[in-house]
Amino acid sequence: MRIKSKKLITFTFIIFVFFLVAIKLFHDGYRLTPVSAAHCIRFTQPIQQELLLEKQISSDLVFYLLDTGDSYHTIYSCRVGPMWKSYYGVGSNQSKNENTIELQTKYWLDDANIGWIVSTSHDPNVTSFKVSYGDQTIEENALKNEPTVIVVPAPNAIISGMGTGFEAVALSKDDVVLYRLNYLMEKYHVTTDYGWHPVFQD
């Protein structure tokens, strides 16, 4: 009887610890699916959110693009063992412009050495986006009024353009550069307006 009673106490203690751990994980935002983990993210102020895009970057990483009215925001979910945990990324500083190209997010995960650029072209002359860095080139077709995702498997230090020749451009069907992703130049000064800017042809 004492042996059975001791086993019952041990089993009860294990179940109790399991539930404590489960409650702690749930409180900290861990979930069994990436989308349920993403729903745990709370903005500081209540805002209207529209899910524009869900993109699986790898088996351990999924990101979501939200339209919050005046801007775009990124939420990404990472696998942690058998569970998922979500984090708030960054929004785009470029103002919405439904006449040219919108930069909706440019984000990098230094720990994973991977990043993504999401843009939507409203210009019918744009047919593709191309990113070049070092000796690597990535090109994706651009559908009008639809988000285009370019996944870049490289550290942020490389993509920041520190002498690596990083370039992101929007091309026409004839491979003419129509837009360039960069800071806007005013005379000889660089502004804080980072985004897609038209390239004026000679």
Protein backbone atom coordinates (compact mmCIF):
# COMPACT_ATOMS: atom_id res chain seq x y z
CA MET A 1 0.00 0.00 0.00
CA ARG A 2 2.81 2.39 0.86
CA ILE A 3 4.52 1.70 -2.47
CA LYS A 4 1.32 2.42 -4.40
CA SER A 5 0.72 5.55 -2.33
CA LYS A 6 4.27 6.78 -3.06
CA LYS A 7 3.84 6.15 -6.79
CA LEU A 8 0.55 8.04 -6.73
CA ILE A 9 2.19 11.02 -5.02
CA THR A 10 5.04 11.03 -7.55
CA PHE A 11 2.61 10.80 -10.47
CA THR A 12 0.46 13.61 -9.04
CA PHE A 13 3.56 15.79 -8.56
CA ILE A 14 4.66 15.20 -12.17
CA ILE A 15 1.20 16.14 -13.48
CA PHE A 16 1.20 19.25 -11.29
CA VAL A 17 4.62 20.36 -12.60
CA PHE A 18 3.50 19.65 -16.18
CA PHE A 19 0.47 21.90 -15.80
CA LEU A 20 2.57 24.65 -14.22
CA VAL A 21 4.98 24.54 -17.16
CA ALA A 22 2.10 24.48 -19.66
CA ILE A 23 0.47 27.52 -18.02
CA LYS A 24 3.80 29.37 -18.02
CA LEU A 25 4.40 28.62 -21.71
CA PHE A 26 0.85 29.65 -22.62
CA HIS A 27 1.21 32.90 -20.67
CA ASP A 28 4.50 33.64 -22.48
CA GLY A 29 2.85 33.24 -25.90
CA TYR A 30 3.98 29.75 -26.89
CA ARG A 31 1.48 27.89 -29.06
CA LEU A 32 1.25 24.67 -31.07
CA THR A 33 0.86 26.42 -34.46
CA PRO A 34 2.56 29.51 -35.96
CA VAL A 35 -0.70 31.32 -36.66
CA SER A 36 -2.02 30.82 -33.13
CA ALA A 37 1.29 32.15 -31.80
CA ALA A 38 0.95 35.19 -34.08
CA HIS A 39 -2.46 35.96 -32.57
CA CYS A 40 -0.73 36.42 -29.21
CA ILE A 41 0.97 39.61 -30.41
CA ARG A 42 -0.77 42.66 -29.03
CA PHE A 43 -0.21 46.18 -30.30
CA THR A 44 0.14 49.00 -27.78
CA GLN A 45 -2.96 50.65 -29.20
CA PRO A 46 -6.00 48.91 -30.68
CA ILE A 47 -5.80 49.17 -34.46
CA GLN A 48 -7.65 47.69 -37.40
CA GLN A 49 -5.60 44.83 -38.86
CA GLU A 50 -5.90 43.05 -42.17
CA LEU A 51 -3.78 39.99 -42.92
CA LEU A 52 -2.27 40.54 -46.37
CA LEU A 53 0.23 37.73 -46.53
CA GLU A 54 1.39 34.56 -44.82
CA LYS A 55 4.75 33.24 -46.03
CA GLN A 56 6.66 30.20 -44.82
CA ILE A 57 10.34 31.10 -45.03
CA SER A 58 11.57 27.73 -43.75
CA SER A 59 10.28 24.79 -41.75
CA ASP A 60 11.04 26.77 -38.58
CA LEU A 61 10.00 30.28 -39.66
CA VAL A 62 6.74 31.84 -40.87
CA PHE A 63 6.02 35.54 -41.27
CA TYR A 64 2.80 37.52 -41.59
CA LEU A 65 2.26 40.91 -43.23
CA LEU A 66 -0.47 43.07 -41.70
CA ASP A 67 -2.09 46.17 -43.15
CA THR A 68 -2.91 48.48 -40.25
CA GLY A 69 -4.36 51.32 -42.31
CA ASP A 70 -1.59 53.89 -42.38
CA SER A 71 1.30 51.44 -42.50
CA TYR A 72 2.37 47.80 -42.70
CA HIS A 73 3.69 45.60 -39.91
CA THR A 74 5.48 42.27 -39.75
CA ILE A 75 4.91 39.45 -37.28
CA TYR A 76 7.05 36.33 -37.50
CA SER A 77 6.71 32.97 -35.78
CA CYS A 78 9.70 30.77 -34.91
CA ARG A 79 9.64 27.11 -33.96
CA VAL A 80 10.91 26.41 -30.45
CA GLY A 81 11.05 22.66 -30.01
CA PRO A 82 7.53 21.35 -30.62
CA MET A 83 5.98 24.81 -30.13
CA TRP A 84 5.90 28.21 -31.82
CA LYS A 85 6.68 31.69 -30.50
CA SER A 86 5.86 34.94 -32.33
CA TYR A 87 7.63 38.28 -32.33
CA TYR A 88 6.80 41.74 -33.62
CA GLY A 89 8.95 42.82 -36.54
CA VAL A 90 9.13 46.28 -38.03
CA GLY A 91 6.79 48.33 -40.13
CA SER A 92 7.56 50.22 -43.30
CA ASN A 93 8.54 53.88 -42.99
CA GLN A 94 7.62 54.58 -46.60
CA SER A 95 4.25 56.24 -47.07
CA LYS A 96 1.63 54.28 -48.94
CA ASN A 97 1.60 55.13 -52.62
CA GLU A 98 -0.86 53.33 -54.87
CA ASN A 99 0.64 54.87 -58.01
CA THR A 100 4.16 53.41 -57.90
CA ILE A 101 5.65 50.72 -55.60
CA GLU A 102 5.02 50.21 -51.91
CA LEU A 103 7.77 48.85 -49.69
CA GLN A 104 5.76 46.87 -47.17
CA THR A 105 8.58 45.43 -45.16
CA LYS A 106 12.33 44.78 -45.23
CA TYR A 107 13.35 42.67 -42.27
CA TRP A 108 16.26 40.48 -41.24
CA LEU A 109 16.76 37.87 -38.54
CA ASP A 110 20.40 37.99 -37.59
CA ASP A 111 20.19 34.71 -35.67
CA ALA A 112 18.87 32.88 -38.75
CA ASN A 113 20.95 34.80 -41.32
CA ILE A 114 17.87 35.29 -43.46
CA GLY A 115 15.63 38.16 -44.41
CA TRP A 116 12.81 39.15 -46.69
CA ILE A 117 11.68 42.14 -48.72
CA VAL A 118 7.98 42.53 -49.48
CA SER A 119 6.81 45.03 -52.08
CA THR A 120 3.65 45.67 -54.08
CA SER A 121 3.86 47.29 -57.49
CA HIS A 122 0.97 49.37 -58.78
CA ASP A 123 2.93 50.28 -61.90
CA PRO A 124 1.87 48.13 -64.89
CA ASN A 125 5.31 48.57 -66.44
CA VAL A 126 7.03 46.70 -63.59
CA THR A 127 7.30 42.98 -64.30
CA SER A 128 9.91 41.79 -61.78
CA PHE A 129 12.01 42.65 -58.73
CA LYS A 130 15.70 41.79 -58.57
CA VAL A 131 18.04 41.75 -55.58
CA SER A 132 21.82 41.49 -56.03
CA TYR A 133 24.51 41.19 -53.37
CA GLY A 134 28.05 39.95 -53.72
CA ASP A 135 27.91 37.38 -56.53
CA GLN A 136 24.31 36.39 -55.76
CA THR A 137 21.18 37.45 -57.68
CA ILE A 138 17.55 36.75 -56.80
CA GLU A 139 14.70 37.72 -59.11
CA GLU A 140 10.95 37.34 -58.60
CA ASN A 141 8.06 38.10 -60.94
CA ALA A 142 5.91 41.05 -59.90
CA LEU A 143 2.13 40.84 -60.24
CA LYS A 144 0.35 44.18 -60.27
CA ASN A 145 -1.31 45.05 -56.94
CA GLU A 146 -0.07 41.81 -55.35
CA PRO A 147 2.68 41.51 -52.68
CA THR A 148 5.95 40.07 -53.99
CA VAL A 149 8.26 38.37 -51.49
CA ILE A 150 12.01 38.10 -52.03
CA VAL A 151 13.70 35.85 -49.47
CA VAL A 152 17.40 36.65 -49.03
CA PRO A 153 19.54 34.03 -47.23
CA ALA A 154 22.28 36.35 -45.99
CA PRO A 155 23.27 38.21 -42.81
CA ASN A 156 21.96 41.72 -42.28
CA ALA A 157 25.54 43.08 -42.34
CA ILE A 158 25.74 42.05 -45.99
CA ILE A 159 22.31 43.36 -46.94
CA SER A 160 22.94 46.71 -45.28
CA GLY A 161 25.20 47.41 -48.23
CA MET A 162 28.52 47.76 -46.42
CA GLY A 163 30.73 47.50 -49.48
CA THR A 164 29.04 44.36 -50.80
CA GLY A 165 27.25 45.94 -53.75
CA PHE A 166 23.74 45.31 -52.42
CA GLU A 167 21.12 46.47 -54.89
CA ALA A 168 17.37 46.03 -55.22
CA VAL A 169 15.64 47.17 -58.41
CA ALA A 170 12.29 46.91 -60.16
CA LEU A 171 12.53 45.99 -63.83
CA SER A 172 10.42 46.30 -66.95
CA LYS A 173 9.82 43.40 -69.34
CA ASP A 174 12.90 44.61 -71.25
CA ASP A 175 15.02 44.53 -68.07
CA VAL A 176 15.10 48.32 -67.85
CA VAL A 177 15.55 49.54 -64.26
CA LEU A 178 12.44 51.58 -63.40
CA TYR A 179 12.79 51.86 -59.62
CA ARG A 180 15.56 51.44 -57.09
CA LEU A 181 15.25 50.58 -53.39
CA ASN A 182 17.30 53.17 -51.58
CA TYR A 183 17.26 56.43 -49.66
CA LEU A 184 15.94 59.39 -51.61
CA MET A 185 18.60 61.86 -52.69
CA GLU A 186 17.87 65.57 -52.63
CA LYS A 187 20.62 67.41 -54.46
CA TYR A 188 23.72 66.11 -52.65
CA HIS A 189 22.01 65.05 -49.42
CA VAL A 190 20.55 61.69 -48.42
CA THR A 191 17.11 61.94 -46.82
CA THR A 192 15.47 59.52 -44.37
CA ASP A 193 12.92 58.53 -47.03
CA TYR A 194 13.88 54.89 -47.62
CA GLY A 195 11.84 53.03 -50.20
CA TRP A 196 11.27 52.52 -53.90
CA HIS A 197 12.17 55.59 -55.94
CA PRO A 198 11.85 56.03 -59.71
CA VAL A 199 14.93 55.98 -61.90
CA PHE A 200 14.74 58.73 -64.47
CA GLN A 201 15.87 57.56 -67.87
CA ASP A 202 18.16 59.68 -70.05
